Amino acid sequence: MFQKLLSNSKYYLNTEVVDVEYQTDIFHIATSNKPIKQKLIVASGGLSYATLGASDIG
């Protein structure tokens, strides 16, 4: 199930987000590498969604 959900995802690891603006259903994200224009999910770690199997182990 998760493979299908993640198949069209892009990951930007070790990237600093400098600024985020929301305009007409799209986020404009200024990063330390390059500007990005797309829908946005920010994963910063932590126990945010236990039903996905997240734990507080670290």
PDB file of N, CA and C in Angstrom:
ATOM      1  N   MET A   1       0.813  -1.182   0.000  1.00  0.00           N
ATOM      2  CA  MET A   1       0.000   0.000   0.000  1.00  0.00           C
ATOM      3  C   MET A   1       0.869   1.264   0.000  1.00  0.00           C
ATOM      4  N   PHE A   2       1.896   1.304   0.854  1.00  0.00           N
ATOM      5  CA  PHE A   2       2.716   2.501   0.945  1.00  0.00           C
ATOM      6  C   PHE A   2       3.585   2.710  -0.285  1.00  0.00           C
ATOM      7  N   GLN A   3       4.001   1.626  -0.950  1.00  0.00           N
ATOM      8  CA  GLN A   3       4.787   1.777  -2.170  1.00  0.00           C
ATOM      9  C   GLN A   3       4.006   2.547  -3.220  1.00  0.00           C
ATOM     10  N   LYS A   4       2.726   2.261  -3.339  1.00  0.00           N
ATOM     11  CA  LYS A   4       1.896   2.960  -4.316  1.00  0.00           C
ATOM     12  C   LYS A   4       1.747   4.432  -3.942  1.00  0.00           C
ATOM     13  N   LEU A   5       1.584   4.725  -2.662  1.00  0.00           N
ATOM     14  CA  LEU A   5       1.449   6.106  -2.213  1.00  0.00           C
ATOM     15  C   LEU A   5       2.734   6.905  -2.407  1.00  0.00           C
ATOM     16  N   LEU A   6       3.879   6.258  -2.284  1.00  0.00           N
ATOM     17  CA  LEU A   6       5.157   6.947  -2.355  1.00  0.00           C
ATOM     18  C   LEU A   6       5.792   6.932  -3.744  1.00  0.00           C
ATOM     19  N   SER A   7       5.176   6.277  -4.711  1.00  0.00           N
ATOM     20  CA  SER A   7       5.813   6.114  -6.016  1.00  0.00           C
ATOM     21  C   SER A   7       6.015   7.429  -6.758  1.00  0.00           C
ATOM     22  N   ASN A   8       5.196   8.423  -6.526  1.00  0.00           N
ATOM     23  CA  ASN A   8       5.345   9.716  -7.200  1.00  0.00           C
ATOM     24  C   ASN A   8       5.945  10.784  -6.288  1.00  0.00           C
ATOM     25  N   SER A   9       6.559  10.369  -5.200  1.00  0.00           N
ATOM     26  CA  SER A   9       7.112  11.310  -4.220  1.00  0.00           C
ATOM     27  C   SER A   9       8.543  11.694  -4.577  1.00  0.00           C
ATOM     28  N   LYS A  10       8.926  12.899  -4.188  1.00  0.00           N
ATOM     29  CA  LYS A  10      10.307  13.356  -4.311  1.00  0.00           C
ATOM     30  C   LYS A  10      10.806  13.660  -2.904  1.00  0.00           C
ATOM     31  N   TYR A  11      12.034  13.289  -2.636  1.00  0.00           N
ATOM     32  CA  TYR A  11      12.622  13.488  -1.325  1.00  0.00           C
ATOM     33  C   TYR A  11      13.784  14.468  -1.438  1.00  0.00           C
ATOM     34  N   TYR A  12      13.823  15.428  -0.543  1.00  0.00           N
ATOM     35  CA  TYR A  12      14.914  16.393  -0.482  1.00  0.00           C
ATOM     36  C   TYR A  12      15.539  16.265   0.904  1.00  0.00           C
ATOM     37  N   LEU A  13      16.563  15.429   0.997  1.00  0.00           N
ATOM     38  CA  LEU A  13      17.201  15.162   2.278  1.00  0.00           C
ATOM     39  C   LEU A  13      18.314  16.173   2.533  1.00  0.00           C
ATOM     40  N   ASN A  14      18.559  16.456   3.790  1.00  0.00           N
ATOM     41  CA  ASN A  14      19.621  17.384   4.200  1.00  0.00           C
ATOM     42  C   ASN A  14      19.513  18.718   3.464  1.00  0.00           C
ATOM     43  N   THR A  15      18.295  19.218   3.357  1.00  0.00           N
ATOM     44  CA  THR A  15      18.027  20.473   2.656  1.00  0.00           C
ATOM     45  C   THR A  15      17.395  21.456   3.622  1.00  0.00           C
ATOM     46  N   GLU A  16      17.971  22.634   3.720  1.00  0.00           N
ATOM     47  CA  GLU A  16      17.436  23.668   4.594  1.00  0.00           C
ATOM     48  C   GLU A  16      16.337  24.432   3.862  1.00  0.00           C
ATOM     49  N   VAL A  17      15.181  24.555   4.496  1.00  0.00           N
ATOM     50  CA  VAL A  17      14.086  25.350   3.957  1.00  0.00           C
ATOM     51  C   VAL A  17      14.274  26.783   4.438  1.00  0.00           C
ATOM     52  N   VAL A  18      14.431  27.704   3.489  1.00  0.00           N
ATOM     53  CA  VAL A  18      14.697  29.099   3.817  1.00  0.00           C
ATOM     54  C   VAL A  18      13.398  29.895   3.924  1.00  0.00           C
ATOM     55  N   ASP A  19      12.443  29.630   3.029  1.00  0.00           N
ATOM     56  CA  ASP A  19      11.186  30.369   3.017  1.00  0.00           C
ATOM     57  C   ASP A  19      10.111  29.528   2.343  1.00  0.00           C
ATOM     58  N   VAL A  20       8.858  29.684   2.789  1.00  0.00           N
ATOM     59  CA  VAL A  20       7.726  28.990   2.187  1.00  0.00           C
ATOM     60  C   VAL A  20       6.605  29.992   1.972  1.00  0.00           C
ATOM     61  N   GLU A  21       6.079  30.022   0.751  1.00  0.00           N
ATOM     62  CA  GLU A  21       4.924  30.858   0.428  1.00  0.00           C
ATOM     63  C   GLU A  21       3.862  29.989  -0.227  1.00  0.00           C
ATOM     64  N   TYR A  22       2.604  30.277   0.061  1.00  0.00           N
ATOM     65  CA  TYR A  22       1.492  29.524  -0.515  1.00  0.00           C
ATOM     66  C   TYR A  22       0.751  30.422  -1.500  1.00  0.00           C
ATOM     67  N   GLN A  23       0.661  29.970  -2.757  1.00  0.00           N
ATOM     68  CA  GLN A  23      -0.024  30.741  -3.794  1.00  0.00           C
ATOM     69  C   GLN A  23      -0.818  29.793  -4.690  1.00  0.00           C
ATOM     70  N   THR A  24      -2.125  29.946  -4.715  1.00  0.00           N
ATOM     71  CA  THR A  24      -3.011  29.219  -5.629  1.00  0.00           C
ATOM     72  C   THR A  24      -2.764  27.707  -5.616  1.00  0.00           C
ATOM     73  N   ASP A  25      -2.948  27.091  -4.468  1.00  0.00           N
ATOM     74  CA  ASP A  25      -2.851  25.634  -4.290  1.00  0.00           C
ATOM     75  C   ASP A  25      -1.453  25.047  -4.459  1.00  0.00           C
ATOM     76  N   ILE A  26      -0.436  25.862  -4.584  1.00  0.00           N
ATOM     77  CA  ILE A  26       0.931  25.371  -4.723  1.00  0.00           C
ATOM     78  C   ILE A  26       1.824  26.116  -3.730  1.00  0.00           C
ATOM     79  N   PHE A  27       2.744  25.383  -3.131  1.00  0.00           N
ATOM     80  CA  PHE A  27       3.722  25.988  -2.238  1.00  0.00           C
ATOM     81  C   PHE A  27       4.971  26.361  -3.039  1.00  0.00           C
ATOM     82  N   HIS A  28       5.482  27.534  -2.804  1.00  0.00           N
ATOM     83  CA  HIS A  28       6.749  27.984  -3.372  1.00  0.00           C
ATOM     84  C   HIS A  28       7.766  27.911  -2.239  1.00  0.00           C
ATOM     85  N   ILE A  29       8.733  27.014  -2.375  1.00  0.00           N
ATOM     86  CA  ILE A  29       9.664  26.720  -1.298  1.00  0.00           C
ATOM     87  C   ILE A  29      11.071  27.129  -1.715  1.00  0.00           C
ATOM     88  N   ALA A  30      11.664  28.034  -0.971  1.00  0.00           N
ATOM     89  CA  ALA A  30      13.062  28.408  -1.193  1.00  0.00           C
ATOM     90  C   ALA A  30      13.913  27.528  -0.284  1.00  0.00           C
ATOM     91  N   THR A  31      14.851  26.806  -0.877  1.00  0.00           N
ATOM     92  CA  THR A  31      15.708  25.903  -0.108  1.00  0.00           C
ATOM     93  C   THR A  31      17.170  26.290  -0.280  1.00  0.00           C
ATOM     94  N   SER A  32      18.016  25.599   0.455  1.00  0.00           N
ATOM     95  CA  SER A  32      19.452  25.837   0.358  1.00  0.00           C
ATOM     96  C   SER A  32      20.019  25.329  -0.967  1.00  0.00           C
ATOM     97  N   ASN A  33      19.274  24.484  -1.673  1.00  0.00           N
ATOM     98  CA  ASN A  33      19.757  23.924  -2.937  1.00  0.00           C
ATOM     99  C   ASN A  33      19.123  24.576  -4.162  1.00  0.00           C
ATOM    100  N   LYS A  34      17.790  24.552  -4.236  1.00  0.00           N
ATOM    101  CA  LYS A  34      17.098  25.110  -5.398  1.00  0.00           C
ATOM    102  C   LYS A  34      15.658  25.408  -5.024  1.00  0.00           C
ATOM    103  N   PRO A  35      15.000  26.310  -5.760  1.00  0.00           N
ATOM    104  CA  PRO A  35      13.581  26.580  -5.477  1.00  0.00           C
ATOM    105  C   PRO A  35      12.713  25.411  -5.943  1.00  0.00           C
ATOM    106  N   ILE A  36      11.642  25.168  -5.199  1.00  0.00           N
ATOM    107  CA  ILE A  36      10.727  24.065  -5.497  1.00  0.00           C
ATOM    108  C   ILE A  36       9.321  24.633  -5.534  1.00  0.00           C
ATOM    109  N   LYS A  37       8.516  24.202  -6.511  1.00  0.00           N
ATOM    110  CA  LYS A  37       7.112  24.604  -6.595  1.00  0.00           C
ATOM    111  C   LYS A  37       6.273  23.341  -6.684  1.00  0.00           C
ATOM    112  N   GLN A  38       5.586  22.977  -5.593  1.00  0.00           N
ATOM    113  CA  GLN A  38       4.714  21.816  -5.582  1.00  0.00           C
ATOM    114  C   GLN A  38       3.909  21.732  -4.302  1.00  0.00           C
ATOM    115  N   LYS A  39       3.089  20.711  -4.235  1.00  0.00           N
ATOM    116  CA  LYS A  39       2.372  20.453  -2.991  1.00  0.00           C
ATOM    117  C   LYS A  39       3.397  19.993  -1.969  1.00  0.00           C
ATOM    118  N   LEU A  40       3.091  20.138  -0.697  1.00  0.00           N
ATOM    119  CA  LEU A  40       4.135  20.040   0.311  1.00  0.00           C
ATOM    120  C   LEU A  40       3.758  19.145   1.471  1.00  0.00           C
ATOM    121  N   ILE A  41       4.694  18.282   1.844  1.00  0.00           N
ATOM    122  CA  ILE A  41       4.639  17.540   3.101  1.00  0.00           C
ATOM    123  C   ILE A  41       6.013  17.689   3.737  1.00  0.00           C
ATOM    124  N   VAL A  42       6.035  18.141   4.975  1.00  0.00           N
ATOM    125  CA  VAL A  42       7.299  18.288   5.689  1.00  0.00           C
ATOM    126  C   VAL A  42       7.374  17.195   6.746  1.00  0.00           C
ATOM    127  N   ALA A  43       8.403  16.369   6.674  1.00  0.00           N
ATOM    128  CA  ALA A  43       8.630  15.327   7.669  1.00  0.00           C
ATOM    129  C   ALA A  43       9.864  15.717   8.464  1.00  0.00           C
ATOM    130  N   SER A  44       9.661  16.047   9.713  1.00  0.00           N
ATOM    131  CA  SER A  44      10.787  16.504  10.534  1.00  0.00           C
ATOM    132  C   SER A  44      11.117  15.538  11.664  1.00  0.00           C
ATOM    133  N   GLY A  45      10.532  14.357  11.648  1.00  0.00           N
ATOM    134  CA  GLY A  45      10.813  13.361  12.672  1.00  0.00           C
ATOM    135  C   GLY A  45       9.847  13.460  13.834  1.00  0.00           C
ATOM    136  N   GLY A  46       9.945  12.545  14.742  1.00  0.00           N
ATOM    137  CA  GLY A  46       9.094  12.557  15.929  1.00  0.00           C
ATOM    138  C   GLY A  46       7.943  11.580  15.820  1.00  0.00           C
ATOM    139  N   LEU A  47       7.256  11.388  16.909  1.00  0.00           N
ATOM    140  CA  LEU A  47       6.145  10.452  16.998  1.00  0.00           C
ATOM    141  C   LEU A  47       4.861  11.184  16.610  1.00  0.00           C
ATOM    142  N   SER A  48       4.638  11.345  15.320  1.00  0.00           N
ATOM    143  CA  SER A  48       3.495  12.121  14.880  1.00  0.00           C
ATOM    144  C   SER A  48       2.315  11.258  14.415  1.00  0.00           C
ATOM    145  N   TYR A  49       2.563  10.027  14.000  1.00  0.00           N
ATOM    146  CA  TYR A  49       1.482   9.211  13.455  1.00  0.00           C
ATOM    147  C   TYR A  49       1.736   7.744  13.825  1.00  0.00           C
ATOM    148  N   ALA A  50       1.338   7.365  15.005  1.00  0.00           N
ATOM    149  CA  ALA A  50       1.651   6.032  15.545  1.00  0.00           C
ATOM    150  C   ALA A  50       1.055   4.906  14.714  1.00  0.00           C
ATOM    151  N   THR A  51      -0.054   5.117  14.025  1.00  0.00           N
ATOM    152  CA  THR A  51      -0.668   4.040  13.246  1.00  0.00           C
ATOM    153  C   THR A  51       0.167   3.647  12.037  1.00  0.00           C
ATOM    154  N   LEU A  52       1.154   4.464  11.667  1.00  0.00           N
ATOM    155  CA  LEU A  52       2.075   4.104  10.582  1.00  0.00           C
ATOM    156  C   LEU A  52       3.254   3.292  11.099  1.00  0.00           C
ATOM    157  N   GLY A  53       3.290   3.054  12.391  1.00  0.00           N
ATOM    158  CA  GLY A  53       4.381   2.283  12.972  1.00  0.00           C
ATOM    159  C   GLY A  53       5.475   3.146  13.594  1.00  0.00           C
ATOM    160  N   ALA A  54       5.222   4.438  13.709  1.00  0.00           N
ATOM    161  CA  ALA A  54       6.209   5.318  14.342  1.00  0.00           C
ATOM    162  C   ALA A  54       6.318   4.982  15.826  1.00  0.00           C
ATOM    163  N   SER A  55       7.519   5.137  16.342  1.00  0.00           N
ATOM    164  CA  SER A  55       7.715   4.885  17.766  1.00  0.00           C
ATOM    165  C   SER A  55       8.589   5.975  18.361  1.00  0.00           C
ATOM    166  N   ASP A  56       8.726   5.982  19.665  1.00  0.00           N
ATOM    167  CA  ASP A  56       9.559   6.973  20.328  1.00  0.00           C
ATOM    168  C   ASP A  56      10.965   6.464  20.612  1.00  0.00           C
ATOM    169  N   ILE A  57      11.402   5.446  19.889  1.00  0.00           N
ATOM    170  CA  ILE A  57      12.721   4.858  20.109  1.00  0.00           C
ATOM    171  C   ILE A  57      13.824   5.841  19.709  1.00  0.00           C
ATOM    172  N   GLY A  58      13.585   6.662  18.711  1.00  0.00           N
ATOM    173  CA  GLY A  58      14.590   7.637  18.309  1.00  0.00           C
ATOM    174  C   GLY A  58      14.876   7.537  16.903  1.00  0.00           C
TER     175      GLY A  58
END
